[in-house]
Amino acid sequence: MVSRLDWISHAGRALQGSVRVPGDKSVSHRALMLGALADGISHIRGFLEGEDTRATAAVLQQLGVRIETPAEGERRVHGVGLHGLRGAAQPLDCGNAGTGMRLLAGLLAGQAFASTLVGDESLSKRPMRRVTDPLAMMGAKIDSRDGLPPLQVHGNQALHGIEYTLPVASAQVKSALLLAGLYAHGETTVIEPHPTRDYTERMLAAFGWPIDFEPGRARLSGGHVLRATDVDVPADFSSAAFFLVAASIVPGSKLRLPAVGLNPRRTGLLQALRLMGADIRIENPRKSGGEPVGDLMVRYAPLHGIELPEALVPDMIDEFPVLFVAAAAAKGRTVVRGAAELRVKESDRIASMAAGLRAIGAQIEETPDGAIITGGPLGGGGIESHGDHRIAMSFAVAGLIAGDPIRLNDCSNVATSFPGFLELANSCGFALSAAS
């Protein structure tokens, strides 16, 4: 059980310097899983040392995979091959990792042994039918608690490929079906209403599995082999997002964020901030492990409200909490629609952000699938993060421009995605401290 941790965020100075944020969580999860199923040894560099990714590593170790840690941010995964996993006597604890649980459900659906996936209190409230229903169409048998974890994944189920159109765009659901497709007879095709991040597709190709994919569609067949490869994990765009917004709203700021992953299905916030008037440049664009990477230079610029194009929503679903902060700091009105997915994240992020922003004096109207935010001065107050790491970090950013300190309650889960956030934030100009 993680002990409770509260923070206090004060108005800071202009943000300056270079900030290397942790490795991409999505890439770290997938590199572990594909490395485990590959033939040979895969070396992962830039691995995110977060609780979520460590939980996934611990699950794979329970399943018989040897994973070494040569140094901080590195993993050496001794692959056991597609059919080399061994059943575990105990439940597999995914902690707070929704990505871990959903992807593992797909991966385990094709195994010869049964498994039980469990999570913490927050994860145990997150819906899993969006994954288990299409997996059942492939022949999997997964029992749940009325659609919620724990998930009991039965073994020895003969899987078959399907063509499935996602009712709601979700990279996690798509990835779960593709991982199950590795074990399925025939072809598995996933079609999306809007394109989502394609980390799984790119990484499957890097590990040598034949796959055809384009924005909004992916197709593969079972019966091939994954071959070990080395993976360089780029800096996580979702972690960089807090610093992009912070430097955009604090006068005098100039910040460099090196080697950030710029997968086009992940960077909707970058486009949204630019529409709001942000001054963000990409320098030294390059490829790393098949993923686009670049150095981001952000300078303070007055922001203005926008009607957010709904086409950007799937590409920034994790960044909405900090976008709400940017909107509260902007001149005029920002309208967000089409983001109902936010209600089933680690917390109901629409309700959590609306309550928090109101508590510090912002004008926000909550809607079923978004919000209408009118910018203006922010004050101090107490904020409940609801155990949600992105809520906590977003209000740490808000504290930079608030008239009085903001107390952030229950920040312990920040470690799930961004270990060392407090120290790194303070190194570039935040004034963030643990509450006594």
Protein backbone atom coordinates (compact mmCIF):
# COMPACT_ATOMS: atom_id res chain seq x y z
CA MET A 1 0.00 0.00 0.00
CA VAL A 2 1.45 3.37 -1.06
CA SER A 3 1.43 5.92 1.77
CA ARG A 4 -0.45 9.14 1.15
CA LEU A 5 1.58 12.08 -0.11
CA ASP A 6 0.35 15.69 -0.37
CA TRP A 7 2.07 18.55 -2.19
CA ILE A 8 1.90 22.34 -2.07
CA SER A 9 2.43 24.25 -5.31
CA HIS A 10 3.49 27.91 -5.09
CA ALA A 11 3.95 30.51 -7.78
CA GLY A 12 7.35 29.79 -9.34
CA ARG A 13 9.90 31.67 -11.37
CA ALA A 14 10.24 31.66 -15.14
CA LEU A 15 11.04 28.12 -16.27
CA GLN A 16 14.52 27.78 -17.74
CA GLY A 17 16.93 25.07 -18.82
CA SER A 18 16.74 21.59 -20.28
CA VAL A 19 14.45 18.93 -18.81
CA ARG A 20 14.74 15.26 -19.82
CA VAL A 21 11.46 13.62 -18.85
CA PRO A 22 11.20 9.86 -18.22
CA GLY A 23 10.85 7.27 -20.95
CA ASP A 24 7.56 6.65 -22.71
CA LYS A 25 5.28 4.46 -20.62
CA SER A 26 3.39 2.98 -23.56
CA VAL A 27 6.60 1.99 -25.35
CA SER A 28 8.10 0.59 -22.12
CA HIS A 29 5.08 -1.68 -21.51
CA ARG A 30 5.10 -3.01 -25.06
CA ALA A 31 8.87 -3.52 -25.21
CA LEU A 32 8.68 -5.71 -22.10
CA MET A 33 5.82 -7.82 -23.46
CA LEU A 34 7.19 -8.36 -26.95
CA GLY A 35 10.68 -8.93 -25.58
CA ALA A 36 9.23 -11.62 -23.31
CA LEU A 37 7.55 -13.40 -26.24
CA ALA A 38 10.53 -13.09 -28.58
CA ASP A 39 13.28 -15.58 -29.32
CA GLY A 40 16.54 -14.21 -27.88
CA ILE A 41 17.54 -11.35 -25.57
CA SER A 42 16.18 -7.83 -26.00
CA HIS A 43 17.92 -4.81 -24.46
CA ILE A 44 15.63 -1.89 -23.54
CA ARG A 45 17.21 1.52 -22.93
CA GLY A 46 15.35 4.58 -21.63
CA PHE A 47 12.90 2.30 -19.79
CA LEU A 48 10.43 4.17 -17.58
CA GLU A 49 11.20 3.40 -13.92
CA GLY A 50 7.57 3.86 -12.91
CA GLU A 51 5.29 1.71 -10.80
CA ASP A 52 3.08 0.80 -13.77
CA THR A 53 5.91 -0.51 -15.91
CA ARG A 54 7.56 -2.26 -13.00
CA ALA A 55 4.24 -3.99 -12.31
CA THR A 56 4.21 -5.30 -15.88
CA ALA A 57 7.79 -6.51 -15.51
CA ALA A 58 6.87 -8.29 -12.25
CA VAL A 59 3.91 -10.01 -13.95
CA LEU A 60 6.12 -11.27 -16.77
CA GLN A 61 8.64 -12.55 -14.24
CA GLN A 62 5.83 -14.45 -12.51
CA LEU A 63 5.15 -16.04 -15.91
CA GLY A 64 8.72 -17.30 -16.15
CA VAL A 65 10.53 -14.50 -18.00
CA ARG A 66 13.99 -13.52 -16.81
CA ILE A 67 14.34 -9.73 -16.72
CA GLU A 68 17.61 -8.13 -15.63
CA THR A 69 18.30 -4.51 -14.66
CA PRO A 70 21.88 -3.70 -15.72
CA ALA A 71 21.39 -0.03 -14.78
CA GLU A 72 18.68 2.52 -13.97
CA GLY A 73 16.44 2.87 -17.03
CA GLU A 74 17.63 -0.36 -18.63
CA ARG A 75 16.17 -3.84 -18.88
CA ARG A 76 17.54 -7.02 -20.46
CA VAL A 77 14.65 -9.33 -21.32
CA HIS A 78 15.41 -13.00 -21.92
CA GLY A 79 12.61 -13.98 -24.28
CA VAL A 80 10.95 -17.35 -23.86
CA GLY A 81 9.32 -17.46 -27.30
CA LEU A 82 5.68 -17.20 -28.23
CA HIS A 83 4.69 -20.36 -26.36
CA GLY A 84 7.26 -20.31 -23.55
CA LEU A 85 5.33 -18.55 -20.79
CA ARG A 86 4.48 -20.62 -17.70
CA GLY A 87 1.38 -20.30 -15.57
CA ALA A 88 1.63 -18.56 -12.20
CA ALA A 89 0.23 -19.94 -8.95
CA GLN A 90 -0.69 -16.47 -7.65
CA PRO A 91 -2.80 -13.68 -9.20
CA LEU A 92 -0.93 -11.32 -11.52
CA ASP A 93 -0.96 -7.84 -9.94
CA CYS A 94 -1.06 -5.01 -12.49
CA GLY A 95 -1.11 -2.32 -9.79
CA ASN A 96 -2.55 0.87 -11.27
CA ALA A 97 -1.63 0.02 -14.87
CA GLY A 98 -4.68 -0.01 -17.13
CA THR A 99 -2.40 -0.41 -20.15
CA GLY A 100 -0.73 -3.39 -18.50
CA MET A 101 -3.98 -5.15 -17.64
CA ARG A 102 -5.70 -4.62 -20.98
CA LEU A 103 -2.70 -5.67 -23.05
CA LEU A 104 -1.97 -8.65 -20.83
CA ALA A 105 -5.59 -9.79 -21.21
CA GLY A 106 -4.98 -10.12 -24.94
CA LEU A 107 -1.58 -11.72 -24.52
CA LEU A 108 -2.83 -14.27 -21.96
CA ALA A 109 -6.01 -15.15 -23.86
CA GLY A 110 -4.04 -17.47 -26.15
CA GLN A 111 -2.01 -19.29 -23.48
CA ALA A 112 -2.42 -22.94 -22.49
CA PHE A 113 -2.76 -21.98 -18.82
CA ALA A 114 -5.25 -19.93 -16.83
CA SER A 115 -4.39 -16.59 -15.23
CA THR A 116 -6.02 -14.05 -12.94
CA LEU A 117 -5.28 -10.36 -13.46
CA VAL A 118 -5.84 -8.07 -10.47
CA GLY A 119 -5.14 -4.39 -9.77
CA ASP A 120 -5.28 -1.73 -7.11
CA GLU A 121 -8.46 -0.01 -5.93
CA SER A 122 -8.44 2.49 -8.80
CA LEU A 123 -7.80 -0.08 -11.54
CA SER A 124 -10.46 -2.37 -10.06
CA LYS A 125 -13.06 0.28 -10.96
CA ARG A 126 -12.03 0.65 -14.60
CA PRO A 127 -14.17 -0.95 -17.34
CA MET A 128 -12.76 -4.00 -19.07
CA ARG A 129 -15.67 -5.14 -21.28
CA ARG A 130 -14.31 -3.08 -24.14
CA VAL A 131 -11.43 -5.58 -24.16
CA THR A 132 -13.07 -8.79 -22.97
CA ASP A 133 -16.06 -8.61 -25.36
CA PRO A 134 -14.04 -8.57 -28.61
CA LEU A 135 -11.58 -11.10 -27.16
CA ALA A 136 -14.58 -13.39 -26.55
CA MET A 137 -15.46 -12.98 -30.24
CA MET A 138 -11.99 -14.42 -30.97
CA GLY A 139 -12.72 -17.46 -28.79
CA ALA A 140 -11.23 -16.27 -25.50
CA LYS A 141 -12.97 -16.98 -22.22
CA ILE A 142 -12.49 -14.25 -19.61
CA ASP A 143 -14.60 -13.90 -16.48
CA SER A 144 -14.91 -10.56 -14.70
CA ARG A 145 -16.78 -8.88 -11.87
CA ASP A 146 -19.62 -7.44 -13.96
CA GLY A 147 -17.11 -6.05 -16.46
CA LEU A 148 -14.60 -4.92 -13.82
CA PRO A 149 -11.33 -6.52 -12.61
CA PRO A 150 -10.23 -9.00 -11.49
CA LEU A 151 -10.10 -10.78 -14.85
CA GLN A 152 -9.98 -14.58 -14.86
CA VAL A 153 -8.45 -15.62 -18.18
CA HIS A 154 -9.11 -19.27 -19.03
CA GLY A 155 -6.44 -21.36 -20.75
CA ASN A 156 -6.53 -23.75 -23.72
CA GLN A 157 -8.95 -21.63 -25.73
CA ALA A 158 -8.55 -21.94 -29.50
CA LEU A 159 -8.47 -18.38 -30.84
CA HIS A 160 -9.47 -17.37 -34.35
CA GLY A 161 -8.90 -14.11 -36.17
CA ILE A 162 -11.73 -11.61 -36.57
CA GLU A 163 -12.34 -8.29 -38.28
CA TYR A 164 -13.42 -5.90 -35.56
CA THR A 165 -14.43 -2.26 -35.74
CA LEU A 166 -13.84 -0.50 -32.43
CA PRO A 167 -16.96 1.35 -31.20
CA VAL A 168 -14.65 3.85 -29.44
CA ALA A 169 -11.09 4.55 -30.58
CA SER A 170 -8.67 2.97 -28.10
CA ALA A 171 -5.03 2.06 -28.61
CA GLN A 172 -5.20 -0.27 -25.60
CA VAL A 173 -8.11 -2.30 -26.98
CA LYS A 174 -6.53 -2.42 -30.44
CA SER A 175 -3.27 -3.61 -28.94
CA ALA A 176 -4.96 -6.31 -26.85
CA LEU A 177 -6.64 -7.74 -29.96
CA LEU A 178 -3.41 -7.66 -31.96
CA LEU A 179 -1.55 -9.48 -29.17
CA ALA A 180 -4.30 -12.11 -29.07
CA GLY A 181 -4.01 -12.28 -32.85
CA LEU A 182 -0.45 -13.55 -32.50
CA TYR A 183 -2.01 -16.78 -31.14
CA ALA A 184 -5.07 -16.87 -33.40
CA HIS A 185 -5.75 -19.04 -36.43
CA GLY A 186 -6.19 -16.81 -39.46
CA GLU A 187 -6.18 -13.05 -39.82
CA THR A 188 -7.02 -10.41 -37.21
CA THR A 189 -8.02 -6.97 -38.44
CA VAL A 190 -8.79 -4.00 -36.21
CA ILE A 191 -10.53 -0.93 -37.65
CA GLU A 192 -10.81 2.31 -35.68
CA PRO A 193 -13.33 5.15 -35.93
CA HIS A 194 -10.37 7.52 -35.46
CA PRO A 195 -6.69 6.59 -35.73
CA THR A 196 -4.95 6.02 -32.39
CA ARG A 197 -1.29 5.67 -31.45
CA ASP A 198 0.40 2.85 -33.35
CA TYR A 199 3.12 1.85 -30.89
CA THR A 200 2.12 -1.81 -30.94
CA GLU A 201 2.10 -1.99 -34.72
CA ARG A 202 5.50 -0.32 -35.07
CA MET A 203 7.02 -2.48 -32.36
CA LEU A 204 5.61 -5.74 -33.75
CA ALA A 205 7.27 -4.85 -37.06
CA ALA A 206 10.53 -4.05 -35.25
CA PHE A 207 10.39 -7.50 -33.60
CA GLY A 208 9.96 -9.10 -37.05
CA TRP A 209 6.25 -9.96 -37.05
CA PRO A 210 4.57 -9.39 -40.45
CA ILE A 211 1.91 -6.71 -39.99
CA ASP A 212 0.12 -4.31 -42.31
CA PHE A 213 -1.02 -1.05 -40.79
CA GLU A 214 -2.07 2.45 -41.70
CA PRO A 215 -3.87 5.16 -39.71
CA GLY A 216 -7.11 3.64 -38.47
CA ARG A 217 -6.45 0.04 -39.53
CA ALA A 218 -4.12 -2.84 -38.59
CA ARG A 219 -3.98 -6.43 -39.83
CA LEU A 220 -1.85 -9.46 -38.94
CA SER A 221 -1.96 -13.25 -39.02
CA GLY A 222 -0.98 -15.75 -36.36
CA GLY A 223 1.74 -18.36 -36.65
CA HIS A 224 4.89 -16.25 -37.01
CA VAL A 225 7.88 -15.64 -34.74
CA LEU A 226 9.04 -12.61 -32.75
CA ARG A 227 12.79 -12.04 -32.83
CA ALA A 228 14.61 -10.17 -30.07
CA THR A 229 15.68 -6.62 -30.81
CA ASP A 230 17.05 -3.63 -28.93
CA VAL A 231 14.61 -0.84 -28.08
CA ASP A 232 15.51 2.80 -27.34
CA VAL A 233 12.52 4.27 -25.52
CA PRO A 234 11.91 7.97 -26.34
CA ALA A 235 11.02 10.50 -23.65
CA ASP A 236 7.30 10.33 -22.86
CA PHE A 237 5.21 13.02 -24.58
CA SER A 238 2.54 12.80 -21.87
CA SER A 239 5.18 13.63 -19.25
CA ALA A 240 6.59 16.42 -21.41
CA ALA A 241 3.06 17.87 -21.67
CA PHE A 242 3.14 19.32 -18.14
CA PHE A 243 6.30 21.28 -18.95
CA LEU A 244 5.00 22.40 -22.35
CA VAL A 245 1.96 23.97 -20.69
CA ALA A 246 3.94 25.33 -17.73
CA ALA A 247 6.47 27.12 -19.92
CA SER A 248 3.66 28.41 -22.16
CA ILE A 249 1.80 30.12 -19.29
CA VAL A 250 4.61 31.42 -17.04
CA PRO A 251 6.00 34.73 -18.39
CA GLY A 252 9.67 34.72 -19.32
CA SER A 253 9.94 30.93 -19.63
CA LYS A 254 12.19 29.21 -22.16
CA LEU A 255 12.53 25.45 -21.82
CA ARG A 256 14.11 22.64 -23.84
CA LEU A 257 12.74 19.09 -23.71
CA PRO A 258 15.15 16.71 -25.49
CA ALA A 259 14.42 13.43 -27.29
CA VAL A 260 10.63 13.49 -26.88
CA GLY A 261 8.60 10.85 -28.72
CA LEU A 262 6.52 12.53 -31.42
CA ASN A 263 4.32 9.72 -32.65
CA PRO A 264 1.63 11.57 -34.64
CA ARG A 265 -1.08 9.62 -32.84
CA ARG A 266 0.18 10.94 -29.51
CA THR A 267 0.83 14.64 -30.07
CA GLY A 268 -2.64 16.16 -30.32
CA LEU A 269 -1.81 18.46 -27.40
CA LEU A 270 1.06 19.96 -29.38
CA GLN A 271 -1.36 20.92 -32.14
CA ALA A 272 -3.95 22.17 -29.65
CA LEU A 273 -1.45 24.40 -27.85
CA ARG A 274 -0.24 25.83 -31.14
CA LEU A 275 -3.85 26.64 -32.07
CA MET A 276 -4.04 28.50 -28.73
CA GLY A 277 -0.97 30.57 -29.67
CA ALA A 278 1.81 28.58 -27.97
CA ASP A 279 5.40 29.03 -29.16
CA ILE A 280 6.69 25.44 -29.47
CA ARG A 281 9.30 24.36 -32.02
CA ILE A 282 10.60 20.92 -32.95
CA GLU A 283 14.37 20.75 -33.36
CA ASN A 284 16.58 17.89 -34.54
CA PRO A 285 13.74 15.62 -35.74
CA ARG A 286 14.86 12.02 -36.11
CA LYS A 287 13.79 8.37 -35.81
CA SER A 288 14.59 6.09 -32.87
CA GLY A 289 13.49 2.46 -32.98
CA GLY A 290 10.97 3.31 -35.70
CA GLU A 291 9.46 6.12 -33.62
CA PRO A 292 9.70 9.81 -34.57
CA VAL A 293 11.64 11.80 -31.95
CA GLY A 294 12.59 15.46 -31.60
CA ASP A 295 13.78 18.13 -29.18
CA LEU A 296 10.99 20.51 -28.15
CA MET A 297 11.73 24.20 -27.53
CA VAL A 298 8.92 26.05 -25.77
CA ARG A 299 8.77 29.75 -24.88
CA TYR A 300 6.14 31.72 -23.01
CA ALA A 301 3.38 33.06 -25.22
CA PRO A 302 -0.05 34.49 -24.33
CA LEU A 303 -2.66 31.80 -25.00
CA HIS A 304 -6.21 32.31 -26.25
CA GLY A 305 -9.23 30.05 -26.06
CA ILE A 306 -10.27 27.76 -28.93
CA GLU A 307 -12.96 25.32 -29.94
CA LEU A 308 -10.87 22.18 -29.85
CA PRO A 309 -11.19 20.19 -33.09
CA GLU A 310 -12.71 16.82 -32.21
CA ALA A 311 -10.29 15.13 -34.61
CA LEU A 312 -7.51 15.88 -32.09
CA VAL A 313 -9.27 14.19 -29.15
CA PRO A 314 -8.03 10.58 -29.65
CA ASP A 315 -4.46 11.85 -30.06
CA MET A 316 -4.39 13.67 -26.70
CA ILE A 317 -6.68 11.71 -24.40
CA ASP A 318 -4.07 11.52 -21.62
CA GLU A 319 -3.19 15.21 -21.87
CA PHE A 320 -6.63 16.73 -21.27
CA PRO A 321 -6.12 17.51 -17.56
CA VAL A 322 -3.19 19.81 -18.31
CA LEU A 323 -4.98 21.24 -21.38
CA PHE A 324 -7.77 22.29 -18.99
CA VAL A 325 -5.15 24.20 -16.99
CA ALA A 326 -3.88 25.88 -20.17
CA ALA A 327 -7.47 26.82 -21.03
CA ALA A 328 -8.01 28.29 -17.55
CA ALA A 329 -4.91 30.45 -18.08
CA ALA A 330 -5.88 31.52 -21.61
CA LYS A 331 -7.81 34.60 -22.69
CA GLY A 332 -11.34 33.79 -23.73
CA ARG A 333 -13.30 30.56 -23.94
CA THR A 334 -12.12 27.02 -24.73
CA VAL A 335 -14.69 24.38 -25.72
CA VAL A 336 -13.91 20.66 -25.51
CA ARG A 337 -16.30 18.09 -27.02
CA GLY A 338 -16.07 14.40 -27.87
CA ALA A 339 -13.94 13.45 -24.85
CA ALA A 340 -16.34 11.20 -22.90
CA GLU A 341 -13.49 8.67 -22.61
CA LEU A 342 -12.06 10.95 -19.89
CA ARG A 343 -14.79 9.80 -17.52
CA VAL A 344 -13.38 6.25 -17.33
CA LYS A 345 -9.68 6.95 -16.77
CA GLU A 346 -7.89 6.67 -13.40
CA SER A 347 -10.57 9.05 -12.20
CA ASP A 348 -13.50 10.76 -13.92
CA ARG A 349 -11.12 13.37 -15.28
CA ILE A 350 -13.82 15.75 -16.49
CA ALA A 351 -15.46 15.84 -13.04
CA SER A 352 -12.12 15.89 -11.20
CA MET A 353 -10.71 18.78 -13.24
CA ALA A 354 -13.97 20.73 -13.11
CA ALA A 355 -14.16 20.43 -9.31
CA GLY A 356 -10.50 21.33 -8.88
CA LEU A 357 -10.58 24.32 -11.19
CA ARG A 358 -13.71 25.68 -9.52
CA ALA A 359 -11.98 25.33 -6.15
CA ILE A 360 -9.27 27.75 -7.30
CA GLY A 361 -11.63 30.23 -8.91
CA ALA A 362 -11.72 29.14 -12.55
CA GLN A 363 -14.88 29.33 -14.65
CA ILE A 364 -15.73 25.90 -16.03
CA GLU A 365 -18.97 24.33 -17.21
CA GLU A 366 -18.90 20.54 -17.20
CA THR A 367 -20.63 18.75 -20.11
CA PRO A 368 -21.23 15.01 -20.65
CA ASP A 369 -18.31 14.73 -23.08
CA GLY A 370 -16.11 17.69 -22.24
CA ALA A 371 -16.16 21.17 -20.78
CA ILE A 372 -16.41 24.88 -21.52
CA ILE A 373 -13.62 26.82 -19.78
CA THR A 374 -13.32 30.59 -19.60
CA GLY A 375 -9.87 31.84 -18.75
CA GLY A 376 -9.13 34.18 -15.88
CA PRO A 377 -7.04 34.64 -12.73
CA LEU A 378 -6.54 31.61 -10.50
CA GLY A 379 -6.41 31.60 -6.72
CA GLY A 380 -5.27 29.11 -4.13
CA GLY A 381 -7.09 26.31 -2.39
CA GLY A 382 -7.19 22.60 -1.73
CA ILE A 383 -7.45 20.11 -4.61
CA GLU A 384 -8.39 16.45 -4.46
CA SER A 385 -6.39 14.48 -7.03
CA HIS A 386 -8.55 11.37 -6.47
CA GLY A 387 -5.37 9.30 -6.62
CA ASP A 388 -4.94 10.29 -10.29
CA HIS A 389 -1.36 11.14 -11.24
CA ARG A 390 -2.30 13.41 -14.14
CA ILE A 391 -4.73 15.44 -12.02
CA ALA A 392 -2.02 15.97 -9.40
CA MET A 393 0.64 17.09 -11.89
CA SER A 394 -1.79 19.33 -13.76
CA PHE A 395 -2.62 21.30 -10.63
CA ALA A 396 1.08 21.50 -9.79
CA VAL A 397 1.30 23.43 -13.08
CA ALA A 398 -1.70 25.58 -12.15
CA GLY A 399 0.06 26.55 -8.91
CA LEU A 400 2.74 28.34 -10.94
CA ILE A 401 0.30 31.13 -11.84
CA ALA A 402 -2.09 31.02 -8.89
CA GLY A 403 -2.43 33.99 -6.55
CA ASP A 404 -2.05 31.77 -3.50
CA PRO A 405 -0.61 28.31 -2.84
CA ILE A 406 -2.51 25.23 -4.05
CA ARG A 407 -2.52 22.16 -1.82
CA LEU A 408 -2.64 18.94 -3.84
CA ASN A 409 -4.04 16.05 -1.85
CA ASP A 410 -3.10 12.42 -2.52
CA CYS A 411 -0.22 12.66 -5.01
CA SER A 412 1.30 9.24 -4.33
CA ASN A 413 0.26 7.81 -7.70
CA VAL A 414 2.43 10.30 -9.59
CA ALA A 415 5.13 7.65 -9.25
CA THR A 416 3.11 5.36 -11.54
CA SER A 417 4.02 7.41 -14.60
CA PHE A 418 6.54 10.07 -13.55
CA PRO A 419 8.97 9.08 -10.81
CA GLY A 420 11.02 12.08 -9.67
CA PHE A 421 8.50 14.65 -10.95
CA LEU A 422 8.83 16.91 -7.90
CA GLU A 423 12.62 17.12 -8.10
CA LEU A 424 12.72 17.58 -11.87
CA ALA A 425 9.99 20.24 -11.79
CA ASN A 426 11.76 22.21 -9.07
CA SER A 427 15.04 22.04 -10.99
CA CYS A 428 13.64 24.23 -13.77
CA GLY A 429 11.54 26.75 -11.82
CA PHE A 430 8.57 25.14 -10.08
CA ALA A 431 8.08 25.80 -6.36
CA LEU A 432 6.66 22.46 -5.33
CA SER A 433 7.06 20.93 -1.87
CA ALA A 434 5.78 18.02 0.14
CA ALA A 435 3.08 19.13 2.57
CA SER A 436 3.78 18.66 6.28
